[in-house]
Amino acid sequence: MRPVELTTRWLPRGVDGITLWPFIFYRRGYEQNVPLRCHEHYHWRHALRWGVIPWYLAYLALRLFYLSQPADQHPLEAPAYAKQREVQALLDAGRSIDDQLAELGMV
């Protein structure tokens, strides 16, 4: 099973991608951003593992406690941001990201 990836002009300010299972939406111009795509695929797979409704309920409940914190401090965002940074660092170093793409089911 794979997500349905779409590009849109509509996304909240400051949001370049969002996972609304079974969809992943990207702001126009960001659909080819591989680190961002890895971040969103991480969310998509995480929601699938947890169960979509429990994952979103947990995400929204935790969001209330992390409103004043940077987005990468949210417990369900932190690992997705870590994966995004890992992929960006590998790309910057000219190294392969094949393992990360396979782990996320992107190949």
PDB file of N, CA and C in Angstrom:
ATOM      1  N   MET A   1       0.856  -1.176   0.000  1.00  0.00           N
ATOM      2  CA  MET A   1       0.000   0.000   0.000  1.00  0.00           C
ATOM      3  C   MET A   1       0.900   1.238   0.000  1.00  0.00           C
ATOM      4  N   ARG A   2       0.533   2.200  -0.807  1.00  0.00           N
ATOM      5  CA  ARG A   2       1.322   3.435  -0.940  1.00  0.00           C
ATOM      6  C   ARG A   2       0.401   4.638  -0.776  1.00  0.00           C
ATOM      7  N   PRO A   3       0.947   5.767  -0.342  1.00  0.00           N
ATOM      8  CA  PRO A   3       0.120   6.970  -0.222  1.00  0.00           C
ATOM      9  C   PRO A   3      -0.225   7.545  -1.587  1.00  0.00           C
ATOM     10  N   VAL A   4      -1.275   8.328  -1.614  1.00  0.00           N
ATOM     11  CA  VAL A   4      -1.640   9.102  -2.791  1.00  0.00           C
ATOM     12  C   VAL A   4      -0.989  10.470  -2.592  1.00  0.00           C
ATOM     13  N   GLU A   5      -0.022  10.811  -3.433  1.00  0.00           N
ATOM     14  CA  GLU A   5       0.705  12.064  -3.291  1.00  0.00           C
ATOM     15  C   GLU A   5       0.156  13.083  -4.283  1.00  0.00           C
ATOM     16  N   LEU A   6      -0.203  14.251  -3.749  1.00  0.00           N
ATOM     17  CA  LEU A   6      -0.801  15.314  -4.549  1.00  0.00           C
ATOM     18  C   LEU A   6      -0.092  16.635  -4.288  1.00  0.00           C
ATOM     19  N   THR A   7      -0.114  17.488  -5.285  1.00  0.00           N
ATOM     20  CA  THR A   7       0.431  18.836  -5.161  1.00  0.00           C
ATOM     21  C   THR A   7      -0.728  19.814  -5.135  1.00  0.00           C
ATOM     22  N   THR A   8      -0.619  20.810  -4.264  1.00  0.00           N
ATOM     23  CA  THR A   8      -1.690  21.784  -4.117  1.00  0.00           C
ATOM     24  C   THR A   8      -1.119  23.166  -3.860  1.00  0.00           C
ATOM     25  N   ARG A   9      -1.917  24.167  -4.117  1.00  0.00           N
ATOM     26  CA  ARG A   9      -1.545  25.544  -3.747  1.00  0.00           C
ATOM     27  C   ARG A   9      -2.024  25.847  -2.350  1.00  0.00           C
ATOM     28  N   TRP A  10      -3.013  25.035  -1.867  1.00  0.00           N
ATOM     29  CA  TRP A  10      -3.585  25.268  -0.559  1.00  0.00           C
ATOM     30  C   TRP A  10      -2.838  24.475   0.491  1.00  0.00           C
ATOM     31  N   LEU A  11      -2.163  25.158   1.341  1.00  0.00           N
ATOM     32  CA  LEU A  11      -1.602  24.604   2.571  1.00  0.00           C
ATOM     33  C   LEU A  11      -1.430  25.795   3.503  1.00  0.00           C
ATOM     34  N   PRO A  12      -1.561  25.567   4.800  1.00  0.00           N
ATOM     35  CA  PRO A  12      -1.369  26.686   5.739  1.00  0.00           C
ATOM     36  C   PRO A  12       0.018  27.302   5.577  1.00  0.00           C
ATOM     37  N   ARG A  13       0.118  28.576   5.876  1.00  0.00           N
ATOM     38  CA  ARG A  13       1.398  29.281   5.786  1.00  0.00           C
ATOM     39  C   ARG A  13       2.452  28.542   6.615  1.00  0.00           C
ATOM     40  N   GLY A  14       3.607  28.348   6.028  1.00  0.00           N
ATOM     41  CA  GLY A  14       4.704  27.679   6.718  1.00  0.00           C
ATOM     42  C   GLY A  14       4.673  26.161   6.627  1.00  0.00           C
ATOM     43  N   VAL A  15       3.664  25.599   5.975  1.00  0.00           N
ATOM     44  CA  VAL A  15       3.547  24.144   5.817  1.00  0.00           C
ATOM     45  C   VAL A  15       3.812  23.806   4.348  1.00  0.00           C
ATOM     46  N   ASP A  16       4.845  22.997   4.121  1.00  0.00           N
ATOM     47  CA  ASP A  16       5.189  22.626   2.753  1.00  0.00           C
ATOM     48  C   ASP A  16       4.690  21.233   2.387  1.00  0.00           C
ATOM     49  N   GLY A  17       4.301  20.453   3.389  1.00  0.00           N
ATOM     50  CA  GLY A  17       3.747  19.131   3.167  1.00  0.00           C
ATOM     51  C   GLY A  17       2.909  18.732   4.365  1.00  0.00           C
ATOM     52  N   ILE A  18       1.897  17.911   4.111  1.00  0.00           N
ATOM     53  CA  ILE A  18       1.037  17.447   5.196  1.00  0.00           C
ATOM     54  C   ILE A  18       0.469  16.081   4.818  1.00  0.00           C
ATOM     55  N   THR A  19       0.432  15.202   5.806  1.00  0.00           N
ATOM     56  CA  THR A  19      -0.130  13.873   5.604  1.00  0.00           C
ATOM     57  C   THR A  19      -1.519  13.839   6.198  1.00  0.00           C
ATOM     58  N   LEU A  20      -2.483  13.602   5.353  1.00  0.00           N
ATOM     59  CA  LEU A  20      -3.872  13.392   5.763  1.00  0.00           C
ATOM     60  C   LEU A  20      -4.252  12.047   5.171  1.00  0.00           C
ATOM     61  N   TRP A  21      -3.945  11.016   5.919  1.00  0.00           N
ATOM     62  CA  TRP A  21      -4.009   9.639   5.444  1.00  0.00           C
ATOM     63  C   TRP A  21      -5.313   9.354   4.729  1.00  0.00           C
ATOM     64  N   PRO A  22      -5.305   8.794   3.535  1.00  0.00           N
ATOM     65  CA  PRO A  22      -4.217   8.127   2.822  1.00  0.00           C
ATOM     66  C   PRO A  22      -3.454   9.037   1.857  1.00  0.00           C
ATOM     67  N   PHE A  23      -3.626  10.349   2.015  1.00  0.00           N
ATOM     68  CA  PHE A  23      -3.009  11.310   1.105  1.00  0.00           C
ATOM     69  C   PHE A  23      -1.801  11.976   1.742  1.00  0.00           C
ATOM     70  N   ILE A  24      -0.894  12.407   0.884  1.00  0.00           N
ATOM     71  CA  ILE A  24       0.168  13.329   1.266  1.00  0.00           C
ATOM     72  C   ILE A  24       0.054  14.498   0.296  1.00  0.00           C
ATOM     73  N   PHE A  25      -0.094  15.695   0.845  1.00  0.00           N
ATOM     74  CA  PHE A  25      -0.192  16.912   0.046  1.00  0.00           C
ATOM     75  C   PHE A  25       1.111  17.692   0.159  1.00  0.00           C
ATOM     76  N   TYR A  26       1.591  18.191  -0.976  1.00  0.00           N
ATOM     77  CA  TYR A  26       2.789  19.027  -1.012  1.00  0.00           C
ATOM     78  C   TYR A  26       2.419  20.385  -1.583  1.00  0.00           C
ATOM     79  N   ARG A  27       3.026  21.417  -1.023  1.00  0.00           N
ATOM     80  CA  ARG A  27       2.888  22.750  -1.617  1.00  0.00           C
ATOM     81  C   ARG A  27       3.560  22.707  -2.985  1.00  0.00           C
ATOM     82  N   ARG A  28       2.931  23.331  -3.944  1.00  0.00           N
ATOM     83  CA  ARG A  28       3.496  23.378  -5.295  1.00  0.00           C
ATOM     84  C   ARG A  28       4.947  23.852  -5.212  1.00  0.00           C
ATOM     85  N   GLY A  29       5.827  23.129  -5.863  1.00  0.00           N
ATOM     86  CA  GLY A  29       7.244  23.444  -5.846  1.00  0.00           C
ATOM     87  C   GLY A  29       8.034  22.609  -4.843  1.00  0.00           C
ATOM     88  N   TYR A  30       7.346  21.889  -3.965  1.00  0.00           N
ATOM     89  CA  TYR A  30       8.015  21.072  -2.949  1.00  0.00           C
ATOM     90  C   TYR A  30       7.814  19.576  -3.175  1.00  0.00           C
ATOM     91  N   GLU A  31       7.063  19.210  -4.196  1.00  0.00           N
ATOM     92  CA  GLU A  31       6.742  17.804  -4.424  1.00  0.00           C
ATOM     93  C   GLU A  31       7.963  16.953  -4.779  1.00  0.00           C
ATOM     94  N   GLN A  32       9.054  17.583  -5.204  1.00  0.00           N
ATOM     95  CA  GLN A  32      10.279  16.852  -5.525  1.00  0.00           C
ATOM     96  C   GLN A  32      11.336  16.983  -4.428  1.00  0.00           C
ATOM     97  N   ASN A  33      10.995  17.604  -3.314  1.00  0.00           N
ATOM     98  CA  ASN A  33      11.921  17.765  -2.202  1.00  0.00           C
ATOM     99  C   ASN A  33      12.015  16.431  -1.462  1.00  0.00           C
ATOM    100  N   VAL A  34      13.088  15.688  -1.705  1.00  0.00           N
ATOM    101  CA  VAL A  34      13.206  14.325  -1.188  1.00  0.00           C
ATOM    102  C   VAL A  34      13.217  14.278   0.344  1.00  0.00           C
ATOM    103  N   PRO A  35      13.969  15.143   1.042  1.00  0.00           N
ATOM    104  CA  PRO A  35      13.905  15.084   2.508  1.00  0.00           C
ATOM    105  C   PRO A  35      12.488  15.341   3.049  1.00  0.00           C
ATOM    106  N   LEU A  36      11.777  16.294   2.461  1.00  0.00           N
ATOM    107  CA  LEU A  36      10.397  16.554   2.876  1.00  0.00           C
ATOM    108  C   LEU A  36       9.517  15.345   2.587  1.00  0.00           C
ATOM    109  N   ARG A  37       9.682  14.752   1.425  1.00  0.00           N
ATOM    110  CA  ARG A  37       8.896  13.561   1.084  1.00  0.00           C
ATOM    111  C   ARG A  37       9.170  12.441   2.081  1.00  0.00           C
ATOM    112  N   CYS A  38      10.417  12.266   2.502  1.00  0.00           N
ATOM    113  CA  CYS A  38      10.746  11.239   3.501  1.00  0.00           C
ATOM    114  C   CYS A  38      10.047  11.545   4.823  1.00  0.00           C
ATOM    115  N   HIS A  39      10.020  12.805   5.219  1.00  0.00           N
ATOM    116  CA  HIS A  39       9.323  13.227   6.443  1.00  0.00           C
ATOM    117  C   HIS A  39       7.850  12.823   6.365  1.00  0.00           C
ATOM    118  N   GLU A  40       7.196  13.145   5.271  1.00  0.00           N
ATOM    119  CA  GLU A  40       5.769  12.850   5.148  1.00  0.00           C
ATOM    120  C   GLU A  40       5.506  11.352   5.013  1.00  0.00           C
ATOM    121  N   HIS A  41       6.375  10.654   4.318  1.00  0.00           N
ATOM    122  CA  HIS A  41       6.221   9.195   4.227  1.00  0.00           C
ATOM    123  C   HIS A  41       6.407   8.559   5.597  1.00  0.00           C
ATOM    124  N   TYR A  42       7.279   9.114   6.419  1.00  0.00           N
ATOM    125  CA  TYR A  42       7.437   8.612   7.789  1.00  0.00           C
ATOM    126  C   TYR A  42       6.095   8.712   8.514  1.00  0.00           C
ATOM    127  N   HIS A  43       5.443   9.869   8.438  1.00  0.00           N
ATOM    128  CA  HIS A  43       4.129  10.034   9.082  1.00  0.00           C
ATOM    129  C   HIS A  43       3.117   9.038   8.523  1.00  0.00           C
ATOM    130  N   TRP A  44       3.107   8.887   7.220  1.00  0.00           N
ATOM    131  CA  TRP A  44       2.129   8.010   6.579  1.00  0.00           C
ATOM    132  C   TRP A  44       2.275   6.582   7.087  1.00  0.00           C
ATOM    133  N   ARG A  45       3.514   6.098   7.145  1.00  0.00           N
ATOM    134  CA  ARG A  45       3.766   4.726   7.611  1.00  0.00           C
ATOM    135  C   ARG A  45       3.511   4.602   9.112  1.00  0.00           C
ATOM    136  N   HIS A  46       3.849   5.615   9.869  1.00  0.00           N
ATOM    137  CA  HIS A  46       3.618   5.603  11.314  1.00  0.00           C
ATOM    138  C   HIS A  46       2.121   5.508  11.605  1.00  0.00           C
ATOM    139  N   ALA A  47       1.320   6.289  10.888  1.00  0.00           N
ATOM    140  CA  ALA A  47      -0.138   6.240  11.066  1.00  0.00           C
ATOM    141  C   ALA A  47      -0.683   4.867  10.675  1.00  0.00           C
ATOM    142  N   LEU A  48      -0.141   4.272   9.646  1.00  0.00           N
ATOM    143  CA  LEU A  48      -0.581   2.949   9.217  1.00  0.00           C
ATOM    144  C   LEU A  48      -0.258   1.902  10.291  1.00  0.00           C
ATOM    145  N   ARG A  49       0.925   1.990  10.898  1.00  0.00           N
ATOM    146  CA  ARG A  49       1.314   1.039  11.953  1.00  0.00           C
ATOM    147  C   ARG A  49       0.442   1.179  13.189  1.00  0.00           C
ATOM    148  N   TRP A  50       0.185   2.405  13.611  1.00  0.00           N
ATOM    149  CA  TRP A  50      -0.602   2.659  14.831  1.00  0.00           C
ATOM    150  C   TRP A  50      -2.086   2.395  14.626  1.00  0.00           C
ATOM    151  N   GLY A  51      -2.515   2.578  13.406  1.00  0.00           N
ATOM    152  CA  GLY A  51      -3.936   2.680  13.100  1.00  0.00           C
ATOM    153  C   GLY A  51      -4.179   4.167  12.865  1.00  0.00           C
ATOM    154  N   VAL A  52      -4.818   4.480  11.790  1.00  0.00           N
ATOM    155  CA  VAL A  52      -4.932   5.868  11.368  1.00  0.00           C
ATOM    156  C   VAL A  52      -5.655   6.721  12.411  1.00  0.00           C
ATOM    157  N   ILE A  53      -6.799   6.287  12.872  1.00  0.00           N
ATOM    158  CA  ILE A  53      -7.566   7.099  13.825  1.00  0.00           C
ATOM    159  C   ILE A  53      -6.830   7.256  15.151  1.00  0.00           C
ATOM    160  N   PRO A  54      -6.287   6.173  15.760  1.00  0.00           N
ATOM    161  CA  PRO A  54      -5.523   6.372  16.998  1.00  0.00           C
ATOM    162  C   PRO A  54      -4.333   7.309  16.818  1.00  0.00           C
ATOM    163  N   TRP A  55      -3.653   7.201  15.661  1.00  0.00           N
ATOM    164  CA  TRP A  55      -2.491   8.064  15.432  1.00  0.00           C
ATOM    165  C   TRP A  55      -2.919   9.530  15.399  1.00  0.00           C
ATOM    166  N   TYR A  56      -3.979   9.845  14.640  1.00  0.00           N
ATOM    167  CA  TYR A  56      -4.423  11.240  14.556  1.00  0.00           C
ATOM    168  C   TYR A  56      -4.956  11.742  15.880  1.00  0.00           C
ATOM    169  N   LEU A  57      -5.644  10.916  16.636  1.00  0.00           N
ATOM    170  CA  LEU A  57      -6.126  11.341  17.961  1.00  0.00           C
ATOM    171  C   LEU A  57      -4.947  11.653  18.878  1.00  0.00           C
ATOM    172  N   ALA A  58      -3.937  10.783  18.876  1.00  0.00           N
ATOM    173  CA  ALA A  58      -2.742  11.031  19.694  1.00  0.00           C
ATOM    174  C   ALA A  58      -2.026  12.291  19.219  1.00  0.00           C
ATOM    175  N   TYR A  59      -1.911  12.453  17.905  1.00  0.00           N
ATOM    176  CA  TYR A  59      -1.229  13.626  17.350  1.00  0.00           C
ATOM    177  C   TYR A  59      -1.923  14.909  17.813  1.00  0.00           C
ATOM    178  N   LEU A  60      -3.230  14.951  17.661  1.00  0.00           N
ATOM    179  CA  LEU A  60      -3.981  16.158  18.027  1.00  0.00           C
ATOM    180  C   LEU A  60      -3.957  16.410  19.526  1.00  0.00           C
ATOM    181  N   ALA A  61      -4.072  15.356  20.319  1.00  0.00           N
ATOM    182  CA  ALA A  61      -4.025  15.521  21.776  1.00  0.00           C
ATOM    183  C   ALA A  61      -2.658  16.061  22.214  1.00  0.00           C
ATOM    184  N   LEU A  62      -1.599  15.494  21.677  1.00  0.00           N
ATOM    185  CA  LEU A  62      -0.256  15.963  22.028  1.00  0.00           C
ATOM    186  C   LEU A  62       0.002  17.375  21.520  1.00  0.00           C
ATOM    187  N   ARG A  63      -0.602  17.722  20.402  1.00  0.00           N
ATOM    188  CA  ARG A  63      -0.420  19.064  19.832  1.00  0.00           C
ATOM    189  C   ARG A  63      -0.832  20.141  20.833  1.00  0.00           C
ATOM    190  N   LEU A  64      -1.874  19.861  21.601  1.00  0.00           N
ATOM    191  CA  LEU A  64      -2.321  20.830  22.605  1.00  0.00           C
ATOM    192  C   LEU A  64      -1.221  21.150  23.611  1.00  0.00           C
ATOM    193  N   PHE A  65      -0.400  20.161  23.943  1.00  0.00           N
ATOM    194  CA  PHE A  65       0.671  20.349  24.917  1.00  0.00           C
ATOM    195  C   PHE A  65       1.937  20.953  24.307  1.00  0.00           C
ATOM    196  N   TYR A  66       2.038  20.937  22.993  1.00  0.00           N
ATOM    197  CA  TYR A  66       3.253  21.397  22.320  1.00  0.00           C
ATOM    198  C   TYR A  66       3.018  22.616  21.443  1.00  0.00           C
ATOM    199  N   LEU A  67       1.904  23.320  21.643  1.00  0.00           N
ATOM    200  CA  LEU A  67       1.592  24.489  20.805  1.00  0.00           C
ATOM    201  C   LEU A  67       2.673  25.553  20.855  1.00  0.00           C
ATOM    202  N   SER A  68       3.244  25.769  22.023  1.00  0.00           N
ATOM    203  CA  SER A  68       4.233  26.840  22.158  1.00  0.00           C
ATOM    204  C   SER A  68       5.662  26.358  21.869  1.00  0.00           C
ATOM    205  N   GLN A  69       5.807  25.099  21.508  1.00  0.00           N
ATOM    206  CA  GLN A  69       7.124  24.518  21.247  1.00  0.00           C
ATOM    207  C   GLN A  69       7.392  24.482  19.736  1.00  0.00           C
ATOM    208  N   PRO A  70       8.651  24.418  19.354  1.00  0.00           N
ATOM    209  CA  PRO A  70       8.964  24.214  17.932  1.00  0.00           C
ATOM    210  C   PRO A  70       8.349  22.901  17.450  1.00  0.00           C
ATOM    211  N   ALA A  71       7.981  22.841  16.187  1.00  0.00           N
ATOM    212  CA  ALA A  71       7.290  21.671  15.642  1.00  0.00           C
ATOM    213  C   ALA A  71       8.075  20.383  15.858  1.00  0.00           C
ATOM    214  N   ASP A  72       9.410  20.454  15.789  1.00  0.00           N
ATOM    215  CA  ASP A  72      10.189  19.218  15.922  1.00  0.00           C
ATOM    216  C   ASP A  72      10.275  18.698  17.352  1.00  0.00           C
ATOM    217  N   GLN A  73       9.644  19.386  18.291  1.00  0.00           N
ATOM    218  CA  GLN A  73       9.594  18.910  19.675  1.00  0.00           C
ATOM    219  C   GLN A  73       8.385  18.011  19.929  1.00  0.00           C
ATOM    220  N   HIS A  74       7.378  18.083  19.072  1.00  0.00           N
ATOM    221  CA  HIS A  74       6.186  17.236  19.200  1.00  0.00           C
ATOM    222  C   HIS A  74       6.632  15.778  19.092  1.00  0.00           C
ATOM    223  N   PRO A  75       6.218  14.909  20.016  1.00  0.00           N
ATOM    224  CA  PRO A  75       6.698  13.525  20.010  1.00  0.00           C
ATOM    225  C   PRO A  75       6.429  12.740  18.721  1.00  0.00           C
ATOM    226  N   LEU A  76       5.387  13.062  17.978  1.00  0.00           N
ATOM    227  CA  LEU A  76       5.130  12.352  16.730  1.00  0.00           C
ATOM    228  C   LEU A  76       5.753  13.060  15.535  1.00  0.00           C
ATOM    229  N   GLU A  77       6.257  14.276  15.735  1.00  0.00           N
ATOM    230  CA  GLU A  77       6.980  14.991  14.685  1.00  0.00           C
ATOM    231  C   GLU A  77       8.492  14.763  14.795  1.00  0.00           C
ATOM    232  N   ALA A  78       8.991  14.611  16.003  1.00  0.00           N
ATOM    233  CA  ALA A  78      10.438  14.517  16.216  1.00  0.00           C
ATOM    234  C   ALA A  78      11.104  13.444  15.358  1.00  0.00           C
ATOM    235  N   PRO A  79      10.580  12.205  15.305  1.00  0.00           N
ATOM    236  CA  PRO A  79      11.267  11.205  14.470  1.00  0.00           C
ATOM    237  C   PRO A  79      11.161  11.498  12.972  1.00  0.00           C
ATOM    238  N   ALA A  80      10.088  12.134  12.543  1.00  0.00           N
ATOM    239  CA  ALA A  80       9.954  12.490  11.122  1.00  0.00           C
ATOM    240  C   ALA A  80      10.955  13.582  10.762  1.00  0.00           C
ATOM    241  N   TYR A  81      11.126  14.564  11.657  1.00  0.00           N
ATOM    242  CA  TYR A  81      12.141  15.599  11.413  1.00  0.00           C
ATOM    243  C   TYR A  81      13.547  15.005  11.453  1.00  0.00           C
ATOM    244  N   ALA A  82      13.771  14.040  12.344  1.00  0.00           N
ATOM    245  CA  ALA A  82      15.079  13.386  12.409  1.00  0.00           C
ATOM    246  C   ALA A  82      15.374  12.668  11.095  1.00  0.00           C
ATOM    247  N   LYS A  83      14.378  11.976  10.542  1.00  0.00           N
ATOM    248  CA  LYS A  83      14.556  11.290   9.262  1.00  0.00           C
ATOM    249  C   LYS A  83      14.813  12.306   8.148  1.00  0.00           C
ATOM    250  N   GLN A  84      14.089  13.418   8.165  1.00  0.00           N
ATOM    251  CA  GLN A  84      14.274  14.463   7.162  1.00  0.00           C
ATOM    252  C   GLN A  84      15.702  15.022   7.224  1.00  0.00           C
ATOM    253  N   ARG A  85      16.189  15.290   8.436  1.00  0.00           N
ATOM    254  CA  ARG A  85      17.566  15.809   8.590  1.00  0.00           C
ATOM    255  C   ARG A  85      18.600  14.773   8.165  1.00  0.00           C
ATOM    256  N   GLU A  86      18.352  13.497   8.498  1.00  0.00           N
ATOM    257  CA  GLU A  86      19.275  12.427   8.110  1.00  0.00           C
ATOM    258  C   GLU A  86      19.391  12.340   6.588  1.00  0.00           C
ATOM    259  N   VAL A  87      18.271  12.360   5.908  1.00  0.00           N
ATOM    260  CA  VAL A  87      18.274  12.279   4.442  1.00  0.00           C
ATOM    261  C   VAL A  87      18.960  13.506   3.849  1.00  0.00           C
ATOM    262  N   GLN A  88      18.682  14.692   4.386  1.00  0.00           N
ATOM    263  CA  GLN A  88      19.323  15.907   3.882  1.00  0.00           C
ATOM    264  C   GLN A  88      20.831  15.840   4.078  1.00  0.00           C
ATOM    265  N   ALA A  89      21.283  15.355   5.236  1.00  0.00           N
ATOM    266  CA  ALA A  89      22.719  15.250   5.498  1.00  0.00           C
ATOM    267  C   ALA A  89      23.387  14.266   4.529  1.00  0.00           C
ATOM    268  N   LEU A  90      22.736  13.155   4.254  1.00  0.00           N
ATOM    269  CA  LEU A  90      23.292  12.191   3.301  1.00  0.00           C
ATOM    270  C   LEU A  90      23.374  12.797   1.905  1.00  0.00           C
ATOM    271  N   LEU A  91      22.325  13.479   1.498  1.00  0.00           N
ATOM    272  CA  LEU A  91      22.340  14.139   0.180  1.00  0.00           C
ATOM    273  C   LEU A  91      23.435  15.194   0.111  1.00  0.00           C
ATOM    274  N   ASP A  92      23.567  15.996   1.170  1.00  0.00           N
ATOM    275  CA  ASP A  92      24.602  17.038   1.197  1.00  0.00           C
ATOM    276  C   ASP A  92      25.998  16.443   1.112  1.00  0.00           C
ATOM    277  N   ALA A  93      26.165  15.241   1.683  1.00  0.00           N
ATOM    278  CA  ALA A  93      27.470  14.573   1.669  1.00  0.00           C
ATOM    279  C   ALA A  93      27.692  13.760   0.395  1.00  0.00           C
ATOM    280  N   GLY A  94      26.695  13.744  -0.493  1.00  0.00           N
ATOM    281  CA  GLY A  94      26.818  12.994  -1.732  1.00  0.00           C
ATOM    282  C   GLY A  94      26.705  11.495  -1.539  1.00  0.00           C
ATOM    283  N   ARG A  95      26.078  11.078  -0.448  1.00  0.00           N
ATOM    284  CA  ARG A  95      25.952   9.651  -0.145  1.00  0.00           C
ATOM    285  C   ARG A  95      24.584   9.129  -0.582  1.00  0.00           C
ATOM    286  N   SER A  96      24.474   7.830  -0.637  1.00  0.00           N
ATOM    287  CA  SER A  96      23.240   7.168  -1.068  1.00  0.00           C
ATOM    288  C   SER A  96      22.158   7.267   0.011  1.00  0.00           C
ATOM    289  N   ILE A  97      20.921   7.459  -0.451  1.00  0.00           N
ATOM    290  CA  ILE A  97      19.777   7.440   0.469  1.00  0.00           C
ATOM    291  C   ILE A  97      18.879   6.237   0.176  1.00  0.00           C
ATOM    292  N   ASP A  98      19.399   5.283  -0.581  1.00  0.00           N
ATOM    293  CA  ASP A  98      18.609   4.116  -0.970  1.00  0.00           C
ATOM    294  C   ASP A  98      18.044   3.373   0.245  1.00  0.00           C
ATOM    295  N   ASP A  99      18.841   3.217   1.300  1.00  0.00           N
ATOM    296  CA  ASP A  99      18.359   2.508   2.499  1.00  0.00           C
ATOM    297  C   ASP A  99      17.186   3.251   3.143  1.00  0.00           C
ATOM    298  N   GLN A 100      17.272   4.574   3.220  1.00  0.00           N
ATOM    299  CA  GLN A 100      16.194   5.361   3.815  1.00  0.00           C
ATOM    300  C   GLN A 100      14.934   5.266   2.967  1.00  0.00           C
ATOM    301  N   LEU A 101      15.080   5.345   1.651  1.00  0.00           N
ATOM    302  CA  LEU A 101      13.925   5.259   0.762  1.00  0.00           C
ATOM    303  C   LEU A 101      13.261   3.882   0.887  1.00  0.00           C
ATOM    304  N   ALA A 102      14.076   2.832   0.959  1.00  0.00           N
ATOM    305  CA  ALA A 102      13.529   1.479   1.100  1.00  0.00           C
ATOM    306  C   ALA A 102      12.812   1.314   2.452  1.00  0.00           C
ATOM    307  N   GLU A 103      13.412   1.852   3.501  1.00  0.00           N
ATOM    308  CA  GLU A 103      12.807   1.763   4.844  1.00  0.00           C
ATOM    309  C   GLU A 103      11.424   2.408   4.869  1.00  0.00           C
ATOM    310  N   LEU A 104      11.261   3.463   4.104  1.00  0.00           N
ATOM    311  CA  LEU A 104       9.990   4.192   4.074  1.00  0.00           C
ATOM    312  C   LEU A 104       9.040   3.687   2.981  1.00  0.00           C
ATOM    313  N   GLY A 105       9.465   2.671   2.253  1.00  0.00           N
ATOM    314  CA  GLY A 105       8.618   2.116   1.196  1.00  0.00           C
ATOM    315  C   GLY A 105       8.490   3.016  -0.004  1.00  0.00           C
ATOM    316  N   MET A 106       9.508   3.835  -0.255  1.00  0.00           N
ATOM    317  CA  MET A 106       9.437   4.806  -1.345  1.00  0.00           C
ATOM    318  C   MET A 106      10.038   4.284  -2.638  1.00  0.00           C
ATOM    319  N   VAL A 107      10.603   3.086  -2.619  1.00  0.00           N
ATOM    320  CA  VAL A 107      11.169   2.506  -3.851  1.00  0.00           C
ATOM    321  C   VAL A 107      10.502   1.192  -4.153  1.00  0.00           C
TER     322      VAL A 107
END
